[in-house]
Amino acid sequence: MTRKHFEAMAKGLSLCKPDKNGDDFGVALRQWEMSVCQMASVCAQFNRNFNRSRFYVACGFEDIYAGL
């Protein structure tokens, strides 16, 4: 897998971030976090140069926690 694949997956995951104003935000956030972390683990299996931190930022981890 290459950077373009990782970027496409991160983009897709970033579009699935839970709504901070949603009724079950806490539950949705935990599920989204687990999905992102599992996807990162799969990506790391296919490319030894995979950068988890960069992937998390591309998925929007920093954005979701801003203002909480």
PDB file of N, CA and C in Angstrom:
ATOM      1  N   MET A   1       0.841  -1.171   0.000  1.00  0.00           N
ATOM      2  CA  MET A   1       0.000   0.000   0.000  1.00  0.00           C
ATOM      3  C   MET A   1       0.892   1.243   0.000  1.00  0.00           C
ATOM      4  N   THR A   2       0.417   2.263  -0.624  1.00  0.00           N
ATOM      5  CA  THR A   2       1.221   3.473  -0.769  1.00  0.00           C
ATOM      6  C   THR A   2       0.557   4.651  -0.062  1.00  0.00           C
ATOM      7  N   ARG A   3       1.265   5.764  -0.066  1.00  0.00           N
ATOM      8  CA  ARG A   3       0.763   6.976   0.573  1.00  0.00           C
ATOM      9  C   ARG A   3      -0.602   7.381   0.032  1.00  0.00           C
ATOM     10  N   LYS A   4      -0.803   7.242  -1.272  1.00  0.00           N
ATOM     11  CA  LYS A   4      -2.094   7.644  -1.836  1.00  0.00           C
ATOM     12  C   LYS A   4      -3.230   6.794  -1.268  1.00  0.00           C
ATOM     13  N   HIS A   5      -2.962   5.513  -0.990  1.00  0.00           N
ATOM     14  CA  HIS A   5      -3.973   4.661  -0.370  1.00  0.00           C
ATOM     15  C   HIS A   5      -4.263   5.119   1.056  1.00  0.00           C
ATOM     16  N   PHE A   6      -3.197   5.408   1.798  1.00  0.00           N
ATOM     17  CA  PHE A   6      -3.367   5.847   3.186  1.00  0.00           C
ATOM     18  C   PHE A   6      -4.108   7.183   3.249  1.00  0.00           C
ATOM     19  N   GLU A   7      -3.769   8.076   2.330  1.00  0.00           N
ATOM     20  CA  GLU A   7      -4.439   9.379   2.300  1.00  0.00           C
ATOM     21  C   GLU A   7      -5.927   9.222   1.984  1.00  0.00           C
ATOM     22  N   ALA A   8      -6.254   8.331   1.059  1.00  0.00           N
ATOM     23  CA  ALA A   8      -7.655   8.106   0.699  1.00  0.00           C
ATOM     24  C   ALA A   8      -8.428   7.519   1.884  1.00  0.00           C
ATOM     25  N   MET A   9      -7.820   6.582   2.593  1.00  0.00           N
ATOM     26  CA  MET A   9      -8.487   5.997   3.763  1.00  0.00           C
ATOM     27  C   MET A   9      -8.662   7.027   4.870  1.00  0.00           C
ATOM     28  N   ALA A  10      -7.641   7.834   5.106  1.00  0.00           N
ATOM     29  CA  ALA A  10      -7.727   8.875   6.140  1.00  0.00           C
ATOM     30  C   ALA A  10      -8.814   9.887   5.786  1.00  0.00           C
ATOM     31  N   LYS A  11      -8.912  10.231   4.521  1.00  0.00           N
ATOM     32  CA  LYS A  11      -9.947  11.169   4.080  1.00  0.00           C
ATOM     33  C   LYS A  11     -11.336  10.588   4.355  1.00  0.00           C
ATOM     34  N   GLY A  12     -11.517   9.328   4.007  1.00  0.00           N
ATOM     35  CA  GLY A  12     -12.796   8.674   4.248  1.00  0.00           C
ATOM     36  C   GLY A  12     -13.138   8.616   5.728  1.00  0.00           C
ATOM     37  N   LEU A  13     -12.163   8.276   6.560  1.00  0.00           N
ATOM     38  CA  LEU A  13     -12.392   8.211   8.002  1.00  0.00           C
ATOM     39  C   LEU A  13     -12.665   9.601   8.582  1.00  0.00           C
ATOM     40  N   SER A  14     -12.017  10.617   8.027  1.00  0.00           N
ATOM     41  CA  SER A  14     -12.244  11.974   8.537  1.00  0.00           C
ATOM     42  C   SER A  14     -13.674  12.434   8.247  1.00  0.00           C
ATOM     43  N   LEU A  15     -14.238  11.940   7.165  1.00  0.00           N
ATOM     44  CA  LEU A  15     -15.616  12.297   6.813  1.00  0.00           C
ATOM     45  C   LEU A  15     -16.640  11.578   7.691  1.00  0.00           C
ATOM     46  N   CYS A  16     -16.182  10.581   8.434  1.00  0.00           N
ATOM     47  CA  CYS A  16     -17.075   9.790   9.305  1.00  0.00           C
ATOM     48  C   CYS A  16     -16.993  10.205  10.765  1.00  0.00           C
ATOM     49  N   LYS A  17     -16.292  11.313  11.042  1.00  0.00           N
ATOM     50  CA  LYS A  17     -16.164  11.757  12.437  1.00  0.00           C
ATOM     51  C   LYS A  17     -17.545  12.002  13.023  1.00  0.00           C
ATOM     52  N   PRO A  18     -17.727  11.630  14.288  1.00  0.00           N
ATOM     53  CA  PRO A  18     -19.037  11.856  14.909  1.00  0.00           C
ATOM     54  C   PRO A  18     -19.303  13.335  15.142  1.00  0.00           C
ATOM     55  N   ASP A  19     -20.567  13.675  15.175  1.00  0.00           N
ATOM     56  CA  ASP A  19     -21.006  15.045  15.402  1.00  0.00           C
ATOM     57  C   ASP A  19     -20.909  15.367  16.891  1.00  0.00           C
ATOM     58  N   LYS A  20     -20.169  16.417  17.228  1.00  0.00           N
ATOM     59  CA  LYS A  20     -20.000  16.803  18.635  1.00  0.00           C
ATOM     60  C   LYS A  20     -21.318  17.140  19.302  1.00  0.00           C
ATOM     61  N   ASN A  21     -22.305  17.509  18.543  1.00  0.00           N
ATOM     62  CA  ASN A  21     -23.606  17.871  19.102  1.00  0.00           C
ATOM     63  C   ASN A  21     -24.605  16.717  19.072  1.00  0.00           C
ATOM     64  N   GLY A  22     -24.128  15.547  18.632  1.00  0.00           N
ATOM     65  CA  GLY A  22     -25.017  14.390  18.556  1.00  0.00           C
ATOM     66  C   GLY A  22     -25.381  13.853  19.931  1.00  0.00           C
ATOM     67  N   ASP A  23     -26.494  13.158  19.993  1.00  0.00           N
ATOM     68  CA  ASP A  23     -26.991  12.614  21.255  1.00  0.00           C
ATOM     69  C   ASP A  23     -26.026  11.615  21.892  1.00  0.00           C
ATOM     70  N   ASP A  24     -25.462  10.754  21.099  1.00  0.00           N
ATOM     71  CA  ASP A  24     -24.572   9.713  21.611  1.00  0.00           C
ATOM     72  C   ASP A  24     -23.129   9.983  21.202  1.00  0.00           C
ATOM     73  N   PHE A  25     -22.686  11.217  21.369  1.00  0.00           N
ATOM     74  CA  PHE A  25     -21.348  11.600  20.922  1.00  0.00           C
ATOM     75  C   PHE A  25     -20.263  10.738  21.557  1.00  0.00           C
ATOM     76  N   GLY A  26     -20.348  10.484  22.848  1.00  0.00           N
ATOM     77  CA  GLY A  26     -19.317   9.703  23.530  1.00  0.00           C
ATOM     78  C   GLY A  26     -19.172   8.304  22.964  1.00  0.00           C
ATOM     79  N   VAL A  27     -20.286   7.652  22.741  1.00  0.00           N
ATOM     80  CA  VAL A  27     -20.279   6.300  22.188  1.00  0.00           C
ATOM     81  C   VAL A  27     -19.768   6.327  20.747  1.00  0.00           C
ATOM     82  N   ALA A  28     -20.256   7.273  19.970  1.00  0.00           N
ATOM     83  CA  ALA A  28     -19.842   7.389  18.572  1.00  0.00           C
ATOM     84  C   ALA A  28     -18.355   7.715  18.470  1.00  0.00           C
ATOM     85  N   LEU A  29     -17.861   8.557  19.372  1.00  0.00           N
ATOM     86  CA  LEU A  29     -16.438   8.915  19.366  1.00  0.00           C
ATOM     87  C   LEU A  29     -15.572   7.696  19.642  1.00  0.00           C
ATOM     88  N   ARG A  30     -15.950   6.907  20.639  1.00  0.00           N
ATOM     89  CA  ARG A  30     -15.171   5.707  20.952  1.00  0.00           C
ATOM     90  C   ARG A  30     -15.164   4.733  19.790  1.00  0.00           C
ATOM     91  N   GLN A  31     -16.298   4.559  19.120  1.00  0.00           N
ATOM     92  CA  GLN A  31     -16.363   3.655  17.977  1.00  0.00           C
ATOM     93  C   GLN A  31     -15.492   4.167  16.833  1.00  0.00           C
ATOM     94  N   TRP A  32     -15.567   5.466  16.572  1.00  0.00           N
ATOM     95  CA  TRP A  32     -14.755   6.059  15.506  1.00  0.00           C
ATOM     96  C   TRP A  32     -13.268   5.918  15.819  1.00  0.00           C
ATOM     97  N   GLU A  33     -12.875   6.180  17.071  1.00  0.00           N
ATOM     98  CA  GLU A  33     -11.474   6.037  17.473  1.00  0.00           C
ATOM     99  C   GLU A  33     -10.987   4.609  17.255  1.00  0.00           C
ATOM    100  N   MET A  34     -11.801   3.638  17.654  1.00  0.00           N
ATOM    101  CA  MET A  34     -11.416   2.232  17.472  1.00  0.00           C
ATOM    102  C   MET A  34     -11.274   1.894  15.996  1.00  0.00           C
ATOM    103  N   SER A  35     -12.150   2.420  15.175  1.00  0.00           N
ATOM    104  CA  SER A  35     -12.071   2.168  13.734  1.00  0.00           C
ATOM    105  C   SER A  35     -10.789   2.747  13.150  1.00  0.00           C
ATOM    106  N   VAL A  36     -10.472   3.980  13.527  1.00  0.00           N
ATOM    107  CA  VAL A  36      -9.247   4.619  13.027  1.00  0.00           C
ATOM    108  C   VAL A  36      -8.010   3.841  13.491  1.00  0.00           C
ATOM    109  N   CYS A  37      -7.977   3.456  14.752  1.00  0.00           N
ATOM    110  CA  CYS A  37      -6.821   2.725  15.285  1.00  0.00           C
ATOM    111  C   CYS A  37      -6.663   1.360  14.624  1.00  0.00           C
ATOM    112  N   GLN A  38      -7.770   0.669  14.393  1.00  0.00           N
ATOM    113  CA  GLN A  38      -7.693  -0.627  13.723  1.00  0.00           C
ATOM    114  C   GLN A  38      -7.233  -0.472  12.281  1.00  0.00           C
ATOM    115  N   MET A  39      -7.717   0.547  11.594  1.00  0.00           N
ATOM    116  CA  MET A  39      -7.284   0.785  10.222  1.00  0.00           C
ATOM    117  C   MET A  39      -5.790   1.098  10.181  1.00  0.00           C
ATOM    118  N   ALA A  40      -5.317   1.866  11.158  1.00  0.00           N
ATOM    119  CA  ALA A  40      -3.886   2.179  11.229  1.00  0.00           C
ATOM    120  C   ALA A  40      -3.072   0.907  11.430  1.00  0.00           C
ATOM    121  N   SER A  41      -3.558   0.000  12.246  1.00  0.00           N
ATOM    122  CA  SER A  41      -2.851  -1.261  12.475  1.00  0.00           C
ATOM    123  C   SER A  41      -2.766  -2.086  11.197  1.00  0.00           C
ATOM    124  N   VAL A  42      -3.840  -2.111  10.443  1.00  0.00           N
ATOM    125  CA  VAL A  42      -3.840  -2.842   9.173  1.00  0.00           C
ATOM    126  C   VAL A  42      -2.858  -2.198   8.195  1.00  0.00           C
ATOM    127  N   CYS A  43      -2.880  -0.880   8.113  1.00  0.00           N
ATOM    128  CA  CYS A  43      -1.961  -0.175   7.208  1.00  0.00           C
ATOM    129  C   CYS A  43      -0.509  -0.455   7.570  1.00  0.00           C
ATOM    130  N   ALA A  44      -0.221  -0.465   8.852  1.00  0.00           N
ATOM    131  CA  ALA A  44       1.156  -0.705   9.313  1.00  0.00           C
ATOM    132  C   ALA A  44       1.632  -2.107   8.920  1.00  0.00           C
ATOM    133  N   GLN A  45       0.724  -3.047   8.819  1.00  0.00           N
ATOM    134  CA  GLN A  45       1.090  -4.409   8.411  1.00  0.00           C
ATOM    135  C   GLN A  45       1.565  -4.456   6.965  1.00  0.00           C
ATOM    136  N   PHE A  46       1.053  -3.553   6.151  1.00  0.00           N
ATOM    137  CA  PHE A  46       1.354  -3.582   4.726  1.00  0.00           C
ATOM    138  C   PHE A  46       2.469  -2.640   4.291  1.00  0.00           C
ATOM    139  N   ASN A  47       2.891  -1.758   5.186  1.00  0.00           N
ATOM    140  CA  ASN A  47       3.968  -0.829   4.835  1.00  0.00           C
ATOM    141  C   ASN A  47       4.752  -0.490   6.103  1.00  0.00           C
ATOM    142  N   ARG A  48       6.004  -0.918   6.149  1.00  0.00           N
ATOM    143  CA  ARG A  48       6.820  -0.713   7.356  1.00  0.00           C
ATOM    144  C   ARG A  48       7.141   0.755   7.599  1.00  0.00           C
ATOM    145  N   ASN A  49       6.958   1.594   6.603  1.00  0.00           N
ATOM    146  CA  ASN A  49       7.213   3.032   6.757  1.00  0.00           C
ATOM    147  C   ASN A  49       5.957   3.818   7.129  1.00  0.00           C
ATOM    148  N   PHE A  50       4.879   3.112   7.377  1.00  0.00           N
ATOM    149  CA  PHE A  50       3.621   3.768   7.723  1.00  0.00           C
ATOM    150  C   PHE A  50       3.796   4.602   8.991  1.00  0.00           C
ATOM    151  N   ASN A  51       3.301   5.840   8.947  1.00  0.00           N
ATOM    152  CA  ASN A  51       3.431   6.764  10.072  1.00  0.00           C
ATOM    153  C   ASN A  51       2.060   6.939  10.734  1.00  0.00           C
ATOM    154  N   ARG A  52       1.900   6.261  11.868  1.00  0.00           N
ATOM    155  CA  ARG A  52       0.625   6.276  12.591  1.00  0.00           C
ATOM    156  C   ARG A  52       0.200   7.687  12.995  1.00  0.00           C
ATOM    157  N   SER A  53       1.138   8.450  13.535  1.00  0.00           N
ATOM    158  CA  SER A  53       0.821   9.809  13.997  1.00  0.00           C
ATOM    159  C   SER A  53       0.286  10.666  12.862  1.00  0.00           C
ATOM    160  N   ARG A  54       0.926  10.578  11.737  1.00  0.00           N
ATOM    161  CA  ARG A  54       0.493  11.354  10.573  1.00  0.00           C
ATOM    162  C   ARG A  54      -0.894  10.914  10.099  1.00  0.00           C
ATOM    163  N   PHE A  55      -1.140   9.618  10.168  1.00  0.00           N
ATOM    164  CA  PHE A  55      -2.438   9.079   9.775  1.00  0.00           C
ATOM    165  C   PHE A  55      -3.529   9.596  10.702  1.00  0.00           C
ATOM    166  N   TYR A  56      -3.260   9.600  12.000  1.00  0.00           N
ATOM    167  CA  TYR A  56      -4.246  10.094  12.972  1.00  0.00           C
ATOM    168  C   TYR A  56      -4.575  11.572  12.719  1.00  0.00           C
ATOM    169  N   VAL A  57      -3.564  12.359  12.433  1.00  0.00           N
ATOM    170  CA  VAL A  57      -3.802  13.780  12.136  1.00  0.00           C
ATOM    171  C   VAL A  57      -4.644  13.902  10.862  1.00  0.00           C
ATOM    172  N   ALA A  58      -4.313  13.111   9.849  1.00  0.00           N
ATOM    173  CA  ALA A  58      -5.058  13.164   8.586  1.00  0.00           C
ATOM    174  C   ALA A  58      -6.514  12.724   8.768  1.00  0.00           C
ATOM    175  N   CYS A  59      -6.752  11.849   9.734  1.00  0.00           N
ATOM    176  CA  CYS A  59      -8.123  11.394  10.018  1.00  0.00           C
ATOM    177  C   CYS A  59      -8.918  12.426  10.805  1.00  0.00           C
ATOM    178  N   GLY A  60      -8.217  13.362  11.434  1.00  0.00           N
ATOM    179  CA  GLY A  60      -8.902  14.420  12.157  1.00  0.00           C
ATOM    180  C   GLY A  60      -8.923  14.263  13.663  1.00  0.00           C
ATOM    181  N   PHE A  61      -8.012  13.465  14.214  1.00  0.00           N
ATOM    182  CA  PHE A  61      -7.976  13.298  15.668  1.00  0.00           C
ATOM    183  C   PHE A  61      -7.827  14.632  16.378  1.00  0.00           C
ATOM    184  N   GLU A  62      -6.976  15.503  15.877  1.00  0.00           N
ATOM    185  CA  GLU A  62      -6.760  16.803  16.526  1.00  0.00           C
ATOM    186  C   GLU A  62      -8.028  17.656  16.472  1.00  0.00           C
ATOM    187  N   ASP A  63      -8.724  17.611  15.355  1.00  0.00           N
ATOM    188  CA  ASP A  63      -9.935  18.409  15.175  1.00  0.00           C
ATOM    189  C   ASP A  63     -11.056  17.980  16.123  1.00  0.00           C
ATOM    190  N   ILE A  64     -11.196  16.695  16.291  1.00  0.00           N
ATOM    191  CA  ILE A  64     -12.315  16.189  17.093  1.00  0.00           C
ATOM    192  C   ILE A  64     -12.151  16.542  18.560  1.00  0.00           C
ATOM    193  N   TYR A  65     -10.919  16.690  19.017  1.00  0.00           N
ATOM    194  CA  TYR A  65     -10.687  16.988  20.426  1.00  0.00           C
ATOM    195  C   TYR A  65     -10.571  18.487  20.722  1.00  0.00           C
ATOM    196  N   ALA A  66     -10.539  19.301  19.690  1.00  0.00           N
ATOM    197  CA  ALA A  66     -10.455  20.739  19.881  1.00  0.00           C
ATOM    198  C   ALA A  66     -11.744  21.239  20.538  1.00  0.00           C
ATOM    199  N   GLY A  67     -11.601  21.920  21.622  1.00  0.00           N
ATOM    200  CA  GLY A  67     -12.746  22.499  22.296  1.00  0.00           C
ATOM    201  C   GLY A  67     -13.518  21.578  23.208  1.00  0.00           C
ATOM    202  N   LEU A  68     -13.012  20.361  23.427  1.00  0.00           N
ATOM    203  CA  LEU A  68     -13.725  19.450  24.333  1.00  0.00           C
ATOM    204  C   LEU A  68     -13.307  19.700  25.761  1.00  0.00           C
TER     205      LEU A  68
END
